């Protein structure tokens, strides 16, 4: 009697970018406001009574959780820059100067403040 062969199950992970990798959005509570090894910090004034779920839901409604890093695994500064724009558009960020300073800071490599162009990932549907 011949043995039955186990079925072969194929998994295909489609990427938008050649060699890209899907990002995973993680929301968690941390015991500090700013990472202890942060090179710099930008404070952003937000609208009154803002809740984490408000930002989370905005990200989901605008498919910002569907993001892919490039083949080198980079693109988080581009993603962060895009979220500042989204938060400004929806009036969650209330001080344009704060947002502009953060966006300018994202364009630098810290601590030397060396200009560094944004490595762009891609959104997918």
C-alpha atoms as a PDB file:
ATOM      1  CA  UNK A   1       0.000   0.000   0.000  1.00  0.00           C
ATOM      2  CA  UNK A   2       1.408   3.400  -1.008  1.00  0.00           C
ATOM      3  CA  UNK A   3       1.936   6.084   1.635  1.00  0.00           C
ATOM      4  CA  UNK A   4      -0.090   9.235   1.306  1.00  0.00           C
ATOM      5  CA  UNK A   5       2.012  12.311   0.797  1.00  0.00           C
ATOM      6  CA  UNK A   6       1.233  15.302   2.997  1.00  0.00           C
ATOM      7  CA  UNK A   7      -0.272  18.190   1.085  1.00  0.00           C
ATOM      8  CA  UNK A   8       2.093  21.001   0.213  1.00  0.00           C
ATOM      9  CA  UNK A   9       0.888  24.339   1.462  1.00  0.00           C
ATOM     10  CA  UNK A  10       2.374  27.380  -0.191  1.00  0.00           C
ATOM     11  CA  UNK A  11       2.400  30.806   1.386  1.00  0.00           C
ATOM     12  CA  UNK A  12       2.929  33.763  -0.856  1.00  0.00           C
ATOM     13  CA  UNK A  13       3.806  37.073   0.736  1.00  0.00           C
ATOM     14  CA  UNK A  14       3.251  39.826  -1.753  1.00  0.00           C
ATOM     15  CA  UNK A  15       5.256  42.974  -1.359  1.00  0.00           C
ATOM     16  CA  UNK A  16       4.801  46.351  -2.970  1.00  0.00           C
ATOM     17  CA  UNK A  17       8.529  47.035  -3.069  1.00  0.00           C
ATOM     18  CA  UNK A  18      11.045  44.555  -4.435  1.00  0.00           C
ATOM     19  CA  UNK A  19      12.475  42.872  -1.348  1.00  0.00           C
ATOM     20  CA  UNK A  20      10.261  44.964   0.923  1.00  0.00           C
ATOM     21  CA  UNK A  21       8.964  43.866   4.316  1.00  0.00           C
ATOM     22  CA  UNK A  22       5.621  44.535   5.973  1.00  0.00           C
ATOM     23  CA  UNK A  23       5.592  46.788   9.017  1.00  0.00           C
ATOM     24  CA  UNK A  24       3.700  45.849  12.153  1.00  0.00           C
ATOM     25  CA  UNK A  25       1.967  48.597  14.105  1.00  0.00           C
ATOM     26  CA  UNK A  26       2.381  48.038  17.844  1.00  0.00           C
ATOM     27  CA  UNK A  27       0.695  50.213  20.441  1.00  0.00           C
ATOM     28  CA  UNK A  28       1.826  49.677  24.003  1.00  0.00           C
ATOM     29  CA  UNK A  29       2.117  51.562  27.269  1.00  0.00           C
ATOM     30  CA  UNK A  30       5.683  52.278  28.350  1.00  0.00           C
ATOM     31  CA  UNK A  31       6.947  53.351  31.775  1.00  0.00           C
ATOM     32  CA  UNK A  32       8.627  56.471  30.359  1.00  0.00           C
ATOM     33  CA  UNK A  33       7.745  59.391  28.088  1.00  0.00           C
ATOM     34  CA  UNK A  34      10.931  59.353  26.021  1.00  0.00           C
ATOM     35  CA  UNK A  35      13.347  56.510  25.344  1.00  0.00           C
ATOM     36  CA  UNK A  36      16.415  56.658  27.567  1.00  0.00           C
ATOM     37  CA  UNK A  37      18.749  56.381  24.585  1.00  0.00           C
ATOM     38  CA  UNK A  38      16.978  58.957  22.382  1.00  0.00           C
ATOM     39  CA  UNK A  39      19.368  61.347  20.641  1.00  0.00           C
ATOM     40  CA  UNK A  40      16.830  64.164  20.540  1.00  0.00           C
ATOM     41  CA  UNK A  41      13.190  64.837  21.282  1.00  0.00           C
ATOM     42  CA  UNK A  42      10.416  66.930  19.765  1.00  0.00           C
ATOM     43  CA  UNK A  43       7.343  67.734  21.828  1.00  0.00           C
ATOM     44  CA  UNK A  44       4.095  68.061  19.873  1.00  0.00           C
ATOM     45  CA  UNK A  45       1.149  69.907  21.392  1.00  0.00           C
ATOM     46  CA  UNK A  46      -2.078  67.974  20.780  1.00  0.00           C
ATOM     47  CA  UNK A  47      -5.773  68.799  20.954  1.00  0.00           C
ATOM     48  CA  UNK A  48      -7.527  68.706  24.322  1.00  0.00           C
ATOM     49  CA  UNK A  49      -8.909  65.385  25.588  1.00  0.00           C
ATOM     50  CA  UNK A  50      -7.040  63.354  22.968  1.00  0.00           C
ATOM     51  CA  UNK A  51      -6.971  59.618  23.633  1.00  0.00           C
ATOM     52  CA  UNK A  52      -4.623  56.994  22.236  1.00  0.00           C
ATOM     53  CA  UNK A  53      -7.613  55.257  20.641  1.00  0.00           C
ATOM     54  CA  UNK A  54      -8.349  58.449  18.673  1.00  0.00           C
ATOM     55  CA  UNK A  55      -4.923  58.384  17.041  1.00  0.00           C
ATOM     56  CA  UNK A  56      -5.028  54.610  16.596  1.00  0.00           C
ATOM     57  CA  UNK A  57      -8.420  54.759  14.886  1.00  0.00           C
ATOM     58  CA  UNK A  58      -7.253  57.600  12.627  1.00  0.00           C
ATOM     59  CA  UNK A  59      -4.252  55.523  11.543  1.00  0.00           C
ATOM     60  CA  UNK A  60      -6.486  52.543  10.756  1.00  0.00           C
ATOM     61  CA  UNK A  61      -9.116  54.626   8.938  1.00  0.00           C
ATOM     62  CA  UNK A  62      -6.395  56.036   6.699  1.00  0.00           C
ATOM     63  CA  UNK A  63      -4.662  52.671   6.114  1.00  0.00           C
ATOM     64  CA  UNK A  64      -1.481  53.941   7.748  1.00  0.00           C
ATOM     65  CA  UNK A  65      -1.033  50.520   9.338  1.00  0.00           C
ATOM     66  CA  UNK A  66      -0.528  49.069   5.859  1.00  0.00           C
ATOM     67  CA  UNK A  67       3.069  50.079   5.300  1.00  0.00           C
ATOM     68  CA  UNK A  68       6.081  48.335   3.887  1.00  0.00           C
ATOM     69  CA  UNK A  69       9.752  49.021   4.521  1.00  0.00           C
ATOM     70  CA  UNK A  70      12.163  48.988   1.593  1.00  0.00           C
ATOM     71  CA  UNK A  71      14.573  46.140   0.834  1.00  0.00           C
ATOM     72  CA  UNK A  72      17.048  47.494   3.404  1.00  0.00           C
ATOM     73  CA  UNK A  73      14.358  47.446   6.107  1.00  0.00           C
ATOM     74  CA  UNK A  74      14.187  51.216   6.368  1.00  0.00           C
ATOM     75  CA  UNK A  75      11.453  53.776   5.883  1.00  0.00           C
ATOM     76  CA  UNK A  76      10.267  54.526   9.415  1.00  0.00           C
ATOM     77  CA  UNK A  77      11.272  58.199   9.214  1.00  0.00           C
ATOM     78  CA  UNK A  78       9.184  58.562   6.053  1.00  0.00           C
ATOM     79  CA  UNK A  79       6.257  56.857   7.844  1.00  0.00           C
ATOM     80  CA  UNK A  80       6.630  59.125  10.874  1.00  0.00           C
ATOM     81  CA  UNK A  81       6.825  62.209   8.663  1.00  0.00           C
ATOM     82  CA  UNK A  82       3.601  61.138   6.917  1.00  0.00           C
ATOM     83  CA  UNK A  83       1.807  60.703  10.236  1.00  0.00           C
ATOM     84  CA  UNK A  84       2.707  64.235  11.297  1.00  0.00           C
ATOM     85  CA  UNK A  85       0.980  65.455   8.122  1.00  0.00           C
ATOM     86  CA  UNK A  86      -2.059  63.282   8.858  1.00  0.00           C
ATOM     87  CA  UNK A  87      -2.301  64.500  12.463  1.00  0.00           C
ATOM     88  CA  UNK A  88      -2.051  68.116  11.316  1.00  0.00           C
ATOM     89  CA  UNK A  89      -4.730  67.635   8.665  1.00  0.00           C
ATOM     90  CA  UNK A  90      -7.111  66.284  11.313  1.00  0.00           C
ATOM     91  CA  UNK A  91      -6.208  69.075  13.766  1.00  0.00           C
ATOM     92  CA  UNK A  92      -4.805  66.671  16.338  1.00  0.00           C
ATOM     93  CA  UNK A  93      -1.513  68.586  16.297  1.00  0.00           C
ATOM     94  CA  UNK A  94      -2.380  72.134  17.263  1.00  0.00           C
ATOM     95  CA  UNK A  95       0.931  73.960  16.897  1.00  0.00           C
ATOM     96  CA  UNK A  96       2.269  74.106  13.322  1.00  0.00           C
ATOM     97  CA  UNK A  97       5.704  75.229  14.577  1.00  0.00           C
ATOM     98  CA  UNK A  98       6.021  72.033  16.669  1.00  0.00           C
ATOM     99  CA  UNK A  99       5.170  69.906  13.636  1.00  0.00           C
ATOM    100  CA  UNK A 100       7.596  71.807  11.403  1.00  0.00           C
ATOM    101  CA  UNK A 101      10.424  71.377  13.936  1.00  0.00           C
ATOM    102  CA  UNK A 102       9.751  67.629  14.202  1.00  0.00           C
ATOM    103  CA  UNK A 103       9.632  67.231  10.414  1.00  0.00           C
ATOM    104  CA  UNK A 104      12.916  69.130  10.071  1.00  0.00           C
ATOM    105  CA  UNK A 105      14.461  66.953  12.773  1.00  0.00           C
ATOM    106  CA  UNK A 106      13.398  63.790  10.972  1.00  0.00           C
ATOM    107  CA  UNK A 107      15.553  64.888   8.033  1.00  0.00           C
ATOM    108  CA  UNK A 108      18.710  64.775  10.162  1.00  0.00           C
ATOM    109  CA  UNK A 109      20.951  61.985  11.388  1.00  0.00           C
ATOM    110  CA  UNK A 110      21.500  62.514  15.095  1.00  0.00           C
ATOM    111  CA  UNK A 111      23.514  63.453  17.148  1.00  0.00           C
ATOM    112  CA  UNK A 112      25.662  65.087  14.453  1.00  0.00           C
ATOM    113  CA  UNK A 113      22.661  66.668  12.691  1.00  0.00           C
ATOM    114  CA  UNK A 114      23.858  65.390   9.335  1.00  0.00           C
ATOM    115  CA  UNK A 115      21.213  65.868   6.618  1.00  0.00           C
ATOM    116  CA  UNK A 116      19.798  62.519   5.577  1.00  0.00           C
ATOM    117  CA  UNK A 117      17.159  62.103   2.891  1.00  0.00           C
ATOM    118  CA  UNK A 118      14.124  60.030   3.818  1.00  0.00           C
ATOM    119  CA  UNK A 119      14.247  56.407   2.729  1.00  0.00           C
ATOM    120  CA  UNK A 120      10.769  55.838   1.416  1.00  0.00           C
ATOM    121  CA  UNK A 121       8.758  52.736   2.075  1.00  0.00           C
ATOM    122  CA  UNK A 122       5.318  52.296   0.520  1.00  0.00           C
ATOM    123  CA  UNK A 123       1.705  52.025   1.590  1.00  0.00           C
ATOM    124  CA  UNK A 124      -0.285  49.084   0.276  1.00  0.00           C
ATOM    125  CA  UNK A 125      -3.979  48.144   0.116  1.00  0.00           C
END
